[in-house]
């Protein structure tokens, strides 16, 4: 009985964590869809500044240069 209870608790906790990730994904998708972003350099720069707070000049050739 203890094994079943422990297993049930672990399953519940793992499933509840997935819901939080799904919520975050849905919020981000809603942001992009509501602002009708297309895959362009202008929108890439706008996303970096608005969401991440990173100016495109600091990115240089990509995120790896910024993070290094």
Protein backbone atom coordinates (compact mmCIF):
# COMPACT_ATOMS: atom_id res chain seq x y z
CA UNK A 1 0.00 0.00 0.00
CA UNK A 2 2.86 2.41 0.82
CA UNK A 3 4.44 1.78 -2.56
CA UNK A 4 1.19 2.56 -4.32
CA UNK A 5 0.73 5.76 -2.33
CA UNK A 6 4.30 6.87 -2.99
CA UNK A 7 3.95 6.12 -6.69
CA UNK A 8 0.68 8.04 -6.85
CA UNK A 9 2.27 11.08 -5.20
CA UNK A 10 5.22 11.03 -7.62
CA UNK A 11 2.89 10.78 -10.61
CA UNK A 12 0.78 13.66 -9.32
CA UNK A 13 3.82 15.87 -8.77
CA UNK A 14 5.31 15.12 -12.17
CA UNK A 15 2.03 15.84 -13.92
CA UNK A 16 1.53 19.13 -12.09
CA UNK A 17 4.98 20.31 -13.22
CA UNK A 18 4.06 19.67 -16.84
CA UNK A 19 1.01 21.90 -16.49
CA UNK A 20 3.17 24.85 -15.44
CA UNK A 21 5.36 24.41 -18.51
CA UNK A 22 2.28 24.18 -20.72
CA UNK A 23 0.93 27.41 -19.21
CA UNK A 24 4.20 29.23 -19.91
CA UNK A 25 4.25 27.92 -23.48
CA UNK A 26 0.66 29.01 -24.04
CA UNK A 27 1.36 32.49 -22.66
CA UNK A 28 4.34 32.92 -24.98
CA UNK A 29 2.42 31.57 -27.98
CA UNK A 30 -0.47 33.91 -27.20
CA UNK A 31 1.92 36.88 -27.07
CA UNK A 32 3.38 36.05 -30.47
CA UNK A 33 -0.01 35.34 -32.05
CA UNK A 34 -1.67 38.47 -30.68
CA UNK A 35 1.14 40.69 -31.97
CA UNK A 36 1.17 38.88 -35.35
CA UNK A 37 4.91 38.37 -35.49
CA UNK A 38 6.49 37.18 -38.70
CA UNK A 39 9.95 35.78 -39.15
CA UNK A 40 11.81 38.96 -40.03
CA UNK A 41 14.88 40.73 -38.70
CA UNK A 42 12.74 43.66 -37.49
CA UNK A 43 10.51 41.38 -35.43
CA UNK A 44 13.52 39.42 -34.17
CA UNK A 45 14.99 42.64 -32.78
CA UNK A 46 11.63 43.70 -31.31
CA UNK A 47 11.22 40.34 -29.55
CA UNK A 48 14.71 40.57 -28.10
CA UNK A 49 14.10 44.03 -26.67
CA UNK A 50 10.47 43.55 -25.54
CA UNK A 51 10.64 40.06 -24.06
CA UNK A 52 14.28 39.53 -23.20
CA UNK A 53 15.50 43.07 -22.64
CA UNK A 54 18.48 42.49 -24.96
CA UNK A 55 19.39 45.10 -27.55
CA UNK A 56 20.23 43.65 -30.94
CA UNK A 57 23.61 45.41 -31.01
CA UNK A 58 24.71 43.31 -28.04
CA UNK A 59 23.80 40.07 -29.80
CA UNK A 60 26.32 40.60 -32.62
CA UNK A 61 26.14 37.34 -34.55
CA UNK A 62 23.80 35.44 -32.26
CA UNK A 63 23.00 34.44 -28.72
CA UNK A 64 26.25 32.54 -28.23
CA UNK A 65 28.27 35.75 -28.47
CA UNK A 66 25.98 37.43 -25.96
CA UNK A 67 26.13 34.56 -23.47
CA UNK A 68 29.90 34.02 -23.73
